Amino acid sequence: MSHILYSFRRCPYAIRARLAIAYSQQSVLLREISLKIKPEAMLALSAKGTVPVLQLADGTVLDESLDIMAWALECSDPDGWLQGSLTEMLSLIDENDFEFKHWLDKYKYADRFLEQTADYYREQAEDFLFKLEERLTFNTYLFGQKIGLADVAIFPFIRQFAAVDNVWFAQSDFPHLKNWLSAFIDGPLFKSVMQEYPAWLESKQQITFPEEQ
């Protein structure tokens, strides 16, 4: 039995899981899902109904993106993404996942959260961006001169934030953050995990991921 990954291309949680899997060269069968019609096979593994969900060959189910990243990196971590202050990295990731993501969602879907304006939600999210900008002022990456777990886990969410209003973000006063984000977006690893695939339920097509180069 092969490892099976249920994923959705644009989901930042699924993106960071795919990045870790591709980086560590762990082969999985990728099943692209539609958020409107979720596969019963996936729901049987994880009642949460959210991606990513990874079913390992031994039957173990991982349905949290950080757990999937940890599994992949424990298998292979050639550039040392887990090296350094793991406790501090996990703390920053936690702030991203629970504080920044809260304001990101309200900013992105401001038409659903009419209690405040989109500008207000963006200002709340900026607190986290300023924190990242400060870190990147003196370092290439969030925890030094080498890429680490925190960079890979956080950047898909900053990408999502930037896409809400590209014009505003391009003019914003986050020069180091923008360079950091562009380096990831333009890099071969990110491009390799963002290929488009047909929905598995409709096509019955599951892809060996990462694809052989």
N, C-alpha and C. Protein backbone atom coordinates (compact mmCIF):
# COMPACT_ATOMS: atom_id res chain seq x y z
N MET A 1 0.84 -1.20 0.00
CA MET A 1 0.00 0.00 0.00
C MET A 1 0.87 1.25 0.00
N SER A 2 0.48 2.23 -0.78
CA SER A 2 1.22 3.48 -0.87
C SER A 2 0.67 4.49 0.13
N HIS A 3 1.49 5.49 0.46
CA HIS A 3 0.99 6.64 1.21
C HIS A 3 0.02 7.41 0.31
N ILE A 4 -1.07 7.92 0.87
CA ILE A 4 -2.07 8.66 0.09
C ILE A 4 -2.27 10.03 0.72
N LEU A 5 -2.14 11.08 -0.09
CA LEU A 5 -2.31 12.45 0.38
C LEU A 5 -3.53 13.08 -0.27
N TYR A 6 -4.48 13.51 0.55
CA TYR A 6 -5.62 14.30 0.07
C TYR A 6 -5.23 15.77 0.20
N SER A 7 -5.37 16.50 -0.90
CA SER A 7 -4.86 17.87 -0.93
C SER A 7 -5.79 18.76 -1.75
N PHE A 8 -5.64 20.06 -1.55
CA PHE A 8 -6.32 21.06 -2.38
C PHE A 8 -5.28 22.09 -2.75
N ARG A 9 -5.10 22.33 -4.01
CA ARG A 9 -3.95 23.08 -4.54
C ARG A 9 -3.70 24.40 -3.83
N ARG A 10 -4.74 25.20 -3.61
CA ARG A 10 -4.54 26.57 -3.13
C ARG A 10 -4.53 26.68 -1.60
N CYS A 11 -4.89 25.64 -0.89
CA CYS A 11 -4.96 25.70 0.57
C CYS A 11 -3.55 25.88 1.16
N PRO A 12 -3.31 26.91 1.97
CA PRO A 12 -1.96 27.11 2.51
C PRO A 12 -1.49 25.97 3.42
N TYR A 13 -2.42 25.34 4.12
CA TYR A 13 -2.03 24.19 4.95
C TYR A 13 -1.57 23.03 4.08
N ALA A 14 -2.30 22.80 2.98
CA ALA A 14 -1.91 21.73 2.06
C ALA A 14 -0.62 22.08 1.33
N ILE A 15 -0.43 23.36 1.02
CA ILE A 15 0.80 23.78 0.33
C ILE A 15 2.01 23.45 1.19
N ARG A 16 1.95 23.79 2.49
CA ARG A 16 3.15 23.56 3.29
C ARG A 16 3.40 22.07 3.51
N ALA A 17 2.35 21.29 3.53
CA ALA A 17 2.54 19.84 3.61
C ALA A 17 3.19 19.31 2.34
N ARG A 18 2.72 19.77 1.18
CA ARG A 18 3.30 19.32 -0.08
C ARG A 18 4.76 19.77 -0.21
N LEU A 19 5.06 20.97 0.26
CA LEU A 19 6.43 21.45 0.21
C LEU A 19 7.37 20.53 0.98
N ALA A 20 6.96 20.13 2.18
CA ALA A 20 7.80 19.26 2.99
C ALA A 20 7.94 17.88 2.36
N ILE A 21 6.86 17.37 1.80
CA ILE A 21 6.90 16.06 1.16
C ILE A 21 7.81 16.08 -0.07
N ALA A 22 7.67 17.13 -0.88
CA ALA A 22 8.49 17.23 -2.09
C ALA A 22 9.96 17.43 -1.73
N TYR A 23 10.23 18.28 -0.77
CA TYR A 23 11.60 18.55 -0.33
C TYR A 23 12.27 17.28 0.19
N SER A 24 11.54 16.50 0.96
CA SER A 24 12.11 15.29 1.54
C SER A 24 12.05 14.09 0.60
N GLN A 25 11.41 14.30 -0.57
CA GLN A 25 11.32 13.26 -1.60
C GLN A 25 10.63 12.00 -1.09
N GLN A 26 9.54 12.21 -0.33
CA GLN A 26 8.72 11.08 0.10
C GLN A 26 7.60 10.88 -0.91
N SER A 27 7.52 9.75 -1.51
CA SER A 27 6.56 9.50 -2.58
C SER A 27 5.17 9.19 -2.01
N VAL A 28 4.17 9.92 -2.48
CA VAL A 28 2.79 9.69 -2.07
C VAL A 28 1.91 9.67 -3.32
N LEU A 29 0.72 9.10 -3.17
CA LEU A 29 -0.30 9.23 -4.21
C LEU A 29 -1.15 10.44 -3.85
N LEU A 30 -1.14 11.44 -4.71
CA LEU A 30 -1.86 12.68 -4.44
C LEU A 30 -3.27 12.60 -5.01
N ARG A 31 -4.24 12.87 -4.15
CA ARG A 31 -5.64 12.94 -4.57
C ARG A 31 -6.13 14.37 -4.38
N GLU A 32 -6.25 15.09 -5.48
CA GLU A 32 -6.74 16.47 -5.45
C GLU A 32 -8.24 16.44 -5.19
N ILE A 33 -8.69 17.24 -4.22
CA ILE A 33 -10.11 17.23 -3.90
C ILE A 33 -10.78 18.52 -4.34
N SER A 34 -12.10 18.48 -4.39
CA SER A 34 -12.92 19.67 -4.55
C SER A 34 -13.53 19.99 -3.20
N LEU A 35 -13.47 21.25 -2.80
CA LEU A 35 -14.02 21.63 -1.49
C LEU A 35 -15.54 21.49 -1.45
N LYS A 36 -16.16 21.48 -2.61
CA LYS A 36 -17.63 21.37 -2.67
C LYS A 36 -18.10 19.93 -2.51
N ILE A 37 -17.31 19.00 -3.03
CA ILE A 37 -17.68 17.58 -2.94
C ILE A 37 -16.47 16.83 -2.39
N LYS A 38 -16.47 16.62 -1.09
CA LYS A 38 -15.32 15.97 -0.45
C LYS A 38 -15.47 14.46 -0.51
N PRO A 39 -14.39 13.77 -0.83
CA PRO A 39 -14.46 12.31 -0.98
C PRO A 39 -14.84 11.62 0.33
N GLU A 40 -15.73 10.65 0.23
CA GLU A 40 -16.11 9.87 1.42
C GLU A 40 -14.89 9.15 1.99
N ALA A 41 -13.97 8.74 1.12
CA ALA A 41 -12.77 8.05 1.59
C ALA A 41 -11.94 8.95 2.49
N MET A 42 -11.90 10.24 2.18
CA MET A 42 -11.16 11.19 3.02
C MET A 42 -11.91 11.42 4.33
N LEU A 43 -13.22 11.59 4.25
CA LEU A 43 -14.01 11.85 5.46
C LEU A 43 -13.99 10.66 6.41
N ALA A 44 -13.83 9.47 5.85
CA ALA A 44 -13.75 8.28 6.71
C ALA A 44 -12.44 8.27 7.50
N LEU A 45 -11.42 8.91 6.93
CA LEU A 45 -10.12 8.99 7.62
C LEU A 45 -10.09 10.13 8.63
N SER A 46 -10.73 11.24 8.28
CA SER A 46 -10.72 12.43 9.13
C SER A 46 -12.06 13.14 9.03
N ALA A 47 -12.80 13.12 10.11
CA ALA A 47 -14.14 13.71 10.10
C ALA A 47 -14.10 15.23 10.00
N LYS A 48 -12.93 15.83 10.20
CA LYS A 48 -12.83 17.29 10.11
C LYS A 48 -13.18 17.80 8.72
N GLY A 49 -12.90 17.00 7.73
CA GLY A 49 -13.24 17.39 6.37
C GLY A 49 -12.34 18.46 5.79
N THR A 50 -11.14 18.65 6.39
CA THR A 50 -10.21 19.64 5.88
C THR A 50 -8.94 18.96 5.40
N VAL A 51 -8.27 19.62 4.45
CA VAL A 51 -7.00 19.11 3.96
C VAL A 51 -5.87 19.87 4.63
N PRO A 52 -4.69 19.25 4.65
CA PRO A 52 -4.33 17.96 4.06
C PRO A 52 -4.64 16.80 5.00
N VAL A 53 -4.83 15.63 4.39
CA VAL A 53 -4.95 14.38 5.14
C VAL A 53 -3.99 13.38 4.48
N LEU A 54 -3.14 12.79 5.30
CA LEU A 54 -2.18 11.81 4.79
C LEU A 54 -2.43 10.47 5.46
N GLN A 55 -2.71 9.45 4.63
CA GLN A 55 -2.82 8.09 5.13
C GLN A 55 -1.53 7.37 4.78
N LEU A 56 -0.78 7.00 5.81
CA LEU A 56 0.47 6.30 5.58
C LEU A 56 0.23 4.85 5.17
N ALA A 57 1.24 4.25 4.61
CA ALA A 57 1.11 2.88 4.11
C ALA A 57 0.72 1.90 5.20
N ASP A 58 1.09 2.20 6.45
CA ASP A 58 0.75 1.29 7.55
C ASP A 58 -0.63 1.57 8.15
N GLY A 59 -1.38 2.52 7.54
CA GLY A 59 -2.72 2.83 8.00
C GLY A 59 -2.81 4.04 8.91
N THR A 60 -1.68 4.52 9.41
CA THR A 60 -1.67 5.71 10.26
C THR A 60 -2.21 6.91 9.49
N VAL A 61 -3.03 7.72 10.15
CA VAL A 61 -3.63 8.91 9.52
C VAL A 61 -3.09 10.17 10.19
N LEU A 62 -2.57 11.07 9.39
CA LEU A 62 -2.12 12.38 9.85
C LEU A 62 -3.02 13.43 9.20
N ASP A 63 -3.75 14.20 10.01
CA ASP A 63 -4.66 15.18 9.42
C ASP A 63 -4.38 16.61 9.90
N GLU A 64 -3.14 16.83 10.38
CA GLU A 64 -2.68 18.18 10.68
C GLU A 64 -1.44 18.45 9.83
N SER A 65 -1.42 19.61 9.20
CA SER A 65 -0.33 19.88 8.26
C SER A 65 1.04 19.85 8.92
N LEU A 66 1.15 20.33 10.15
CA LEU A 66 2.46 20.31 10.82
C LEU A 66 2.90 18.89 11.14
N ASP A 67 1.94 18.02 11.43
CA ASP A 67 2.29 16.61 11.67
C ASP A 67 2.80 15.96 10.39
N ILE A 68 2.20 16.34 9.27
CA ILE A 68 2.66 15.81 7.98
C ILE A 68 4.06 16.33 7.66
N MET A 69 4.29 17.61 7.93
CA MET A 69 5.62 18.18 7.71
C MET A 69 6.65 17.46 8.59
N ALA A 70 6.30 17.24 9.85
CA ALA A 70 7.22 16.57 10.77
C ALA A 70 7.54 15.17 10.30
N TRP A 71 6.52 14.45 9.83
CA TRP A 71 6.74 13.08 9.33
C TRP A 71 7.71 13.11 8.15
N ALA A 72 7.47 14.02 7.20
CA ALA A 72 8.33 14.09 6.02
C ALA A 72 9.77 14.43 6.40
N LEU A 73 9.93 15.40 7.30
CA LEU A 73 11.28 15.85 7.66
C LEU A 73 12.01 14.83 8.52
N GLU A 74 11.26 14.05 9.27
CA GLU A 74 11.90 12.97 10.02
C GLU A 74 12.42 11.88 9.08
N CYS A 75 11.76 11.75 7.93
CA CYS A 75 12.24 10.79 6.92
C CYS A 75 13.51 11.29 6.23
N SER A 76 13.53 12.60 5.93
CA SER A 76 14.69 13.16 5.24
C SER A 76 14.66 14.69 5.37
N ASP A 77 15.76 15.24 5.83
CA ASP A 77 15.87 16.69 6.02
C ASP A 77 17.26 17.13 5.59
N PRO A 78 17.55 17.06 4.28
CA PRO A 78 18.91 17.26 3.80
C PRO A 78 19.50 18.64 4.08
N ASP A 79 18.65 19.68 4.12
CA ASP A 79 19.16 21.03 4.33
C ASP A 79 18.95 21.53 5.76
N GLY A 80 18.48 20.65 6.65
CA GLY A 80 18.37 21.00 8.05
C GLY A 80 17.26 21.96 8.39
N TRP A 81 16.07 21.77 7.83
CA TRP A 81 14.94 22.64 8.16
C TRP A 81 14.58 22.58 9.65
N LEU A 82 14.88 21.47 10.30
CA LEU A 82 14.53 21.31 11.71
C LEU A 82 15.66 21.74 12.65
N GLN A 83 16.77 22.17 12.08
CA GLN A 83 17.89 22.60 12.92
C GLN A 83 17.61 24.00 13.49
N GLY A 84 18.23 24.30 14.62
CA GLY A 84 18.03 25.60 15.24
C GLY A 84 17.05 25.50 16.39
N SER A 85 16.47 26.64 16.74
CA SER A 85 15.56 26.71 17.89
C SER A 85 14.17 26.26 17.48
N LEU A 86 13.93 24.95 17.58
CA LEU A 86 12.64 24.41 17.16
C LEU A 86 11.50 24.96 18.02
N THR A 87 11.73 25.15 19.31
CA THR A 87 10.69 25.69 20.20
C THR A 87 10.27 27.08 19.76
N GLU A 88 11.24 27.92 19.43
CA GLU A 88 10.92 29.28 18.97
C GLU A 88 10.23 29.25 17.62
N MET A 89 10.67 28.37 16.74
CA MET A 89 10.02 28.27 15.42
C MET A 89 8.57 27.84 15.57
N LEU A 90 8.32 26.86 16.41
CA LEU A 90 6.94 26.39 16.61
C LEU A 90 6.08 27.47 17.25
N SER A 91 6.65 28.30 18.10
CA SER A 91 5.91 29.39 18.72
C SER A 91 5.48 30.41 17.67
N LEU A 92 6.39 30.74 16.74
CA LEU A 92 6.05 31.69 15.68
C LEU A 92 5.01 31.08 14.73
N ILE A 93 5.14 29.80 14.42
CA ILE A 93 4.14 29.12 13.58
C ILE A 93 2.78 29.13 14.27
N ASP A 94 2.78 28.92 15.57
CA ASP A 94 1.53 28.94 16.33
C ASP A 94 0.87 30.32 16.24
N GLU A 95 1.65 31.38 16.33
CA GLU A 95 1.11 32.73 16.20
C GLU A 95 0.53 32.94 14.80
N ASN A 96 1.21 32.42 13.81
CA ASN A 96 0.70 32.49 12.43
C ASN A 96 -0.63 31.77 12.29
N ASP A 97 -0.69 30.56 12.84
CA ASP A 97 -1.85 29.69 12.62
C ASP A 97 -3.09 30.16 13.37
N PHE A 98 -2.89 30.79 14.53
CA PHE A 98 -4.04 31.08 15.37
C PHE A 98 -4.36 32.56 15.53
N GLU A 99 -3.38 33.42 15.38
CA GLU A 99 -3.65 34.85 15.49
C GLU A 99 -3.69 35.50 14.10
N PHE A 100 -2.59 35.37 13.37
CA PHE A 100 -2.55 35.98 12.03
C PHE A 100 -3.63 35.40 11.13
N LYS A 101 -3.80 34.08 11.14
CA LYS A 101 -4.79 33.45 10.25
C LYS A 101 -6.20 33.94 10.56
N HIS A 102 -6.48 34.23 11.83
CA HIS A 102 -7.79 34.77 12.21
C HIS A 102 -8.07 36.08 11.47
N TRP A 103 -7.10 36.99 11.48
CA TRP A 103 -7.29 38.28 10.82
C TRP A 103 -7.18 38.16 9.30
N LEU A 104 -6.34 37.25 8.84
CA LEU A 104 -6.24 37.01 7.39
C LEU A 104 -7.59 36.59 6.82
N ASP A 105 -8.26 35.68 7.47
CA ASP A 105 -9.56 35.22 6.98
C ASP A 105 -10.57 36.36 6.94
N LYS A 106 -10.58 37.19 7.97
CA LYS A 106 -11.53 38.31 8.01
C LYS A 106 -11.19 39.34 6.94
N TYR A 107 -9.90 39.56 6.72
CA TYR A 107 -9.47 40.48 5.67
C TYR A 107 -9.84 39.95 4.29
N LYS A 108 -9.58 38.67 4.06
CA LYS A 108 -9.86 38.08 2.75
C LYS A 108 -11.35 38.03 2.47
N TYR A 109 -12.14 37.76 3.50
CA TYR A 109 -13.59 37.63 3.33
C TYR A 109 -14.32 38.74 4.08
N ALA A 110 -13.83 39.97 3.91
CA ALA A 110 -14.39 41.11 4.65
C ALA A 110 -15.88 41.32 4.36
N ASP A 111 -16.32 40.88 3.17
CA ASP A 111 -17.74 41.03 2.84
C ASP A 111 -18.63 40.11 3.67
N ARG A 112 -18.03 39.15 4.36
CA ARG A 112 -18.78 38.27 5.25
C ARG A 112 -18.71 38.73 6.71
N PHE A 113 -17.72 39.57 7.00
CA PHE A 113 -17.51 40.04 8.38
C PHE A 113 -17.69 41.55 8.40
N LEU A 114 -18.94 41.95 8.41
CA LEU A 114 -19.27 43.35 8.21
C LEU A 114 -19.16 44.19 9.47
N GLU A 115 -18.73 43.57 10.58
CA GLU A 115 -18.58 44.33 11.83
C GLU A 115 -17.51 45.41 11.68
N GLN A 116 -16.50 45.13 10.85
CA GLN A 116 -15.42 46.08 10.61
C GLN A 116 -15.10 46.11 9.12
N THR A 117 -14.23 47.04 8.74
CA THR A 117 -13.85 47.17 7.33
C THR A 117 -12.66 46.26 7.01
N ALA A 118 -12.45 46.06 5.73
CA ALA A 118 -11.29 45.27 5.30
C ALA A 118 -10.00 45.94 5.77
N ASP A 119 -9.96 47.27 5.73
CA ASP A 119 -8.77 47.99 6.19
C ASP A 119 -8.48 47.69 7.66
N TYR A 120 -9.52 47.64 8.46
CA TYR A 120 -9.35 47.34 9.88
C TYR A 120 -8.75 45.95 10.07
N TYR A 121 -9.29 44.96 9.37
CA TYR A 121 -8.79 43.60 9.50
C TYR A 121 -7.34 43.51 9.02
N ARG A 122 -7.03 44.25 7.95
CA ARG A 122 -5.66 44.25 7.44
C ARG A 122 -4.70 44.85 8.46
N GLU A 123 -5.11 45.90 9.12
CA GLU A 123 -4.26 46.54 10.13
C GLU A 123 -3.97 45.59 11.29
N GLN A 124 -4.96 44.79 11.67
CA GLN A 124 -4.73 43.83 12.75
C GLN A 124 -3.72 42.76 12.30
N ALA A 125 -3.83 42.33 11.07
CA ALA A 125 -2.91 41.32 10.54
C ALA A 125 -1.50 41.87 10.40
N GLU A 126 -1.38 43.17 10.19
CA GLU A 126 -0.06 43.78 9.99
C GLU A 126 0.85 43.63 11.20
N ASP A 127 0.29 43.47 12.38
CA ASP A 127 1.13 43.30 13.57
C ASP A 127 2.09 42.14 13.38
N PHE A 128 1.59 41.05 12.80
CA PHE A 128 2.43 39.88 12.56
C PHE A 128 3.43 40.15 11.44
N LEU A 129 3.00 40.88 10.42
CA LEU A 129 3.91 41.20 9.32
C LEU A 129 5.08 42.04 9.80
N PHE A 130 4.81 42.99 10.70
CA PHE A 130 5.90 43.81 11.25
C PHE A 130 6.89 42.94 12.02
N LYS A 131 6.38 41.94 12.72
CA LYS A 131 7.25 41.04 13.46
C LYS A 131 8.15 40.25 12.50
N LEU A 132 7.59 39.78 11.39
CA LEU A 132 8.39 39.06 10.40
C LEU A 132 9.39 39.98 9.73
N GLU A 133 8.94 41.19 9.39
CA GLU A 133 9.84 42.16 8.75
C GLU A 133 11.05 42.45 9.64
N GLU A 134 10.81 42.58 10.93
CA GLU A 134 11.92 42.85 11.85
C GLU A 134 12.92 41.70 11.85
N ARG A 135 12.42 40.48 11.84
CA ARG A 135 13.32 39.32 11.82
C ARG A 135 14.13 39.29 10.53
N LEU A 136 13.49 39.64 9.43
CA LEU A 136 14.14 39.53 8.12
C LEU A 136 15.04 40.72 7.80
N THR A 137 15.02 41.74 8.64
CA THR A 137 15.88 42.89 8.42
C THR A 137 17.35 42.52 8.54
N PHE A 138 17.65 41.56 9.41
CA PHE A 138 19.04 41.20 9.68
C PHE A 138 19.38 39.78 9.23
N ASN A 139 18.38 39.04 8.77
CA ASN A 139 18.61 37.65 8.35
C ASN A 139 17.90 37.37 7.03
N THR A 140 18.44 36.44 6.29
CA THR A 140 17.80 36.05 5.02
C THR A 140 16.49 35.32 5.27
N TYR A 141 16.48 34.54 6.36
CA TYR A 141 15.29 33.78 6.71
C TYR A 141 14.87 34.12 8.14
N LEU A 142 13.78 33.58 8.59
CA LEU A 142 13.19 34.02 9.86
C LEU A 142 14.06 33.70 11.07
N PHE A 143 14.87 32.65 10.97
CA PHE A 143 15.70 32.27 12.10
C PHE A 143 17.17 32.16 11.72
N GLY A 144 17.60 33.00 10.81
CA GLY A 144 19.02 33.00 10.45
C GLY A 144 19.25 33.05 8.97
N GLN A 145 20.38 32.54 8.55
CA GLN A 145 20.78 32.59 7.14
C GLN A 145 20.39 31.34 6.37
N LYS A 146 19.76 30.39 7.05
CA LYS A 146 19.32 29.16 6.37
C LYS A 146 17.82 29.01 6.50
N ILE A 147 17.21 28.48 5.48
CA ILE A 147 15.78 28.21 5.50
C ILE A 147 15.45 27.22 6.61
N GLY A 148 14.33 27.45 7.29
CA GLY A 148 13.92 26.57 8.38
C GLY A 148 12.45 26.23 8.31
N LEU A 149 12.02 25.39 9.22
CA LEU A 149 10.62 24.96 9.26
C LEU A 149 9.67 26.14 9.29
N ALA A 150 9.99 27.17 10.08
CA ALA A 150 9.08 28.31 10.22
C ALA A 150 8.86 29.02 8.89
N ASP A 151 9.92 29.20 8.11
CA ASP A 151 9.78 29.87 6.82
C ASP A 151 8.78 29.13 5.92
N VAL A 152 8.97 27.83 5.83
CA VAL A 152 8.14 27.02 4.92
C VAL A 152 6.70 26.93 5.42
N ALA A 153 6.53 26.86 6.74
CA ALA A 153 5.19 26.73 7.31
C ALA A 153 4.40 28.02 7.22
N ILE A 154 5.08 29.17 7.26
CA ILE A 154 4.40 30.46 7.32
C ILE A 154 4.20 31.10 5.95
N PHE A 155 5.15 30.91 5.03
CA PHE A 155 5.08 31.69 3.79
C PHE A 155 3.81 31.48 2.96
N PRO A 156 3.18 30.28 2.93
CA PRO A 156 1.94 30.17 2.14
C PRO A 156 0.82 31.09 2.64
N PHE A 157 0.84 31.42 3.92
CA PHE A 157 -0.18 32.31 4.48
C PHE A 157 0.13 33.77 4.15
N ILE A 158 1.41 34.12 4.11
CA ILE A 158 1.78 35.48 3.70
C ILE A 158 1.47 35.66 2.21
N ARG A 159 1.69 34.62 1.45
CA ARG A 159 1.32 34.66 0.02
C ARG A 159 -0.17 34.91 -0.13
N GLN A 160 -0.97 34.22 0.67
CA GLN A 160 -2.42 34.40 0.60
C GLN A 160 -2.81 35.82 1.00
N PHE A 161 -2.17 36.34 2.04
CA PHE A 161 -2.43 37.71 2.47
C PHE A 161 -2.11 38.70 1.35
N ALA A 162 -0.94 38.55 0.74
CA ALA A 162 -0.51 39.48 -0.32
C ALA A 162 -1.48 39.47 -1.49
N ALA A 163 -2.08 38.32 -1.76
CA ALA A 163 -2.96 38.18 -2.92
C ALA A 163 -4.32 38.85 -2.73
N VAL A 164 -4.68 39.15 -1.50
CA VAL A 164 -5.98 39.80 -1.26
C VAL A 164 -6.01 41.15 -1.96
N ASP A 165 -4.92 41.90 -1.85
CA ASP A 165 -4.82 43.20 -2.52
C ASP A 165 -3.36 43.35 -2.96
N ASN A 166 -3.08 42.87 -4.15
CA ASN A 166 -1.70 42.88 -4.64
C ASN A 166 -1.12 44.28 -4.74
N VAL A 167 -1.96 45.24 -5.13
CA VAL A 167 -1.49 46.61 -5.30
C VAL A 167 -1.06 47.19 -3.95
N TRP A 168 -1.90 46.99 -2.94
CA TRP A 168 -1.56 47.49 -1.60
C TRP A 168 -0.28 46.85 -1.10
N PHE A 169 -0.19 45.53 -1.24
CA PHE A 169 0.98 44.83 -0.72
C PHE A 169 2.25 45.28 -1.43
N ALA A 170 2.17 45.48 -2.73
CA ALA A 170 3.35 45.90 -3.50
C ALA A 170 3.85 47.25 -3.03
N GLN A 171 2.94 48.11 -2.55
CA GLN A 171 3.32 49.45 -2.12
C GLN A 171 3.58 49.52 -0.61
N SER A 172 3.38 48.43 0.10
CA SER A 172 3.51 48.43 1.55
C SER A 172 4.97 48.53 1.99
N ASP A 173 5.14 48.89 3.25
CA ASP A 173 6.49 49.13 3.77
C ASP A 173 7.04 47.87 4.44
N PHE A 174 7.13 46.81 3.65
CA PHE A 174 7.68 45.55 4.14
C PHE A 174 8.72 45.04 3.14
N PRO A 175 9.79 45.78 2.90
CA PRO A 175 10.73 45.41 1.81
C PRO A 175 11.37 44.05 2.00
N HIS A 176 11.78 43.72 3.21
CA HIS A 176 12.45 42.44 3.44
C HIS A 176 11.46 41.28 3.34
N LEU A 177 10.27 41.51 3.85
CA LEU A 177 9.23 40.47 3.77
C LEU A 177 8.86 40.19 2.32
N LYS A 178 8.78 41.24 1.52
CA LYS A 178 8.42 41.05 0.11
C LYS A 178 9.53 40.29 -0.64
N ASN A 179 10.77 40.60 -0.33
CA ASN A 179 11.87 39.86 -0.97
C ASN A 179 11.86 38.39 -0.55
N TRP A 180 11.63 38.16 0.72
CA TRP A 180 11.55 36.79 1.26
C TRP A 180 10.43 36.01 0.58
N LEU A 181 9.27 36.65 0.46
CA LEU A 181 8.12 35.99 -0.17
C LEU A 181 8.40 35.71 -1.64
N SER A 182 8.96 36.67 -2.34
CA SER A 182 9.24 36.49 -3.77
C SER A 182 10.23 35.35 -4.01
N ALA A 183 11.20 35.23 -3.11
CA ALA A 183 12.19 34.17 -3.27
C ALA A 183 11.54 32.80 -3.20
N PHE A 184 10.56 32.65 -2.31
CA PHE A 184 9.85 31.38 -2.23
C PHE A 184 8.96 31.15 -3.45
N ILE A 185 8.20 32.17 -3.81
CA ILE A 185 7.25 32.03 -4.92
C ILE A 185 7.97 31.73 -6.23
N ASP A 186 9.13 32.34 -6.41
CA ASP A 186 9.88 32.17 -7.66
C ASP A 186 10.77 30.93 -7.65
N GLY A 187 10.86 30.27 -6.51
CA GLY A 187 11.75 29.12 -6.38
C GLY A 187 11.20 27.86 -7.03
N PRO A 188 12.06 26.95 -7.43
CA PRO A 188 11.63 25.73 -8.11
C PRO A 188 10.80 24.80 -7.23
N LEU A 189 11.06 24.77 -5.92
CA LEU A 189 10.31 23.87 -5.05
C LEU A 189 8.84 24.26 -5.02
N PHE A 190 8.57 25.54 -4.82
CA PHE A 190 7.18 26.00 -4.77
C PHE A 190 6.49 25.75 -6.11
N LYS A 191 7.15 26.08 -7.19
CA LYS A 191 6.55 25.87 -8.51
C LYS A 191 6.23 24.40 -8.74
N SER A 192 7.08 23.52 -8.22
CA SER A 192 6.87 22.09 -8.45
C SER A 192 5.64 21.55 -7.71
N VAL A 193 5.27 22.19 -6.58
CA VAL A 193 4.14 21.66 -5.81
C VAL A 193 2.83 22.35 -6.17
N MET A 194 2.88 23.32 -7.10
CA MET A 194 1.68 24.07 -7.46
C MET A 194 1.13 23.70 -8.83
N GLN A 195 1.54 22.56 -9.35
CA GLN A 195 0.95 22.10 -10.61
C GLN A 195 -0.54 21.80 -10.42
N GLU A 196 -1.29 22.02 -11.46
CA GLU A 196 -2.74 21.79 -11.38
C GLU A 196 -3.06 20.36 -11.81
N TYR A 197 -3.94 19.72 -11.03
CA TYR A 197 -4.38 18.37 -11.33
C TYR A 197 -5.91 18.32 -11.28
N PRO A 198 -6.52 17.43 -12.06
CA PRO A 198 -7.97 17.30 -11.99
C PRO A 198 -8.41 16.71 -10.66
N ALA A 199 -9.64 17.02 -10.26
CA ALA A 199 -10.17 16.49 -9.00
C ALA A 199 -10.23 14.97 -9.09
N TRP A 200 -9.78 14.32 -8.03
CA TRP A 200 -9.69 12.86 -8.02
C TRP A 200 -11.05 12.20 -8.14
N LEU A 201 -12.07 12.72 -7.48
CA LEU A 201 -13.39 12.09 -7.53
C LEU A 201 -13.93 12.03 -8.95
N GLU A 202 -13.68 13.08 -9.72
CA GLU A 202 -14.22 13.14 -11.08
C GLU A 202 -13.35 12.35 -12.06
N SER A 203 -12.05 12.45 -11.91
CA SER A 203 -11.15 11.86 -12.90
C SER A 203 -10.66 10.47 -12.51
N LYS A 204 -10.76 10.15 -11.19
CA LYS A 204 -10.15 8.93 -10.65
C LYS A 204 -8.65 8.90 -10.90
N GLN A 205 -8.08 10.09 -11.11
CA GLN A 205 -6.66 10.20 -11.39
C GLN A 205 -5.92 10.59 -10.12
N GLN A 206 -5.07 9.70 -9.63
CA GLN A 206 -4.22 10.04 -8.51
C GLN A 206 -2.77 10.06 -8.99
N ILE A 207 -2.08 11.08 -8.61
CA ILE A 207 -0.76 11.37 -9.16
C ILE A 207 0.33 10.92 -8.20
N THR A 208 1.38 10.33 -8.72
CA THR A 208 2.55 10.08 -7.88
C THR A 208 3.23 11.41 -7.64
N PHE A 209 3.35 11.76 -6.36
CA PHE A 209 3.88 13.06 -5.98
C PHE A 209 5.01 12.87 -4.97
N PRO A 210 6.10 13.63 -5.12
CA PRO A 210 6.39 14.55 -6.22
C PRO A 210 6.69 13.79 -7.51
N GLU A 211 6.38 14.46 -8.62
CA GLU A 211 6.63 13.83 -9.91
C GLU A 211 8.13 13.72 -10.14
N GLU A 212 8.54 12.66 -10.81
CA GLU A 212 9.96 12.49 -11.13
C GLU A 212 10.40 13.55 -12.12
N GLN A 213 11.53 14.14 -11.82
CA GLN A 213 12.04 15.19 -12.68
C GLN A 213 12.89 14.60 -13.82
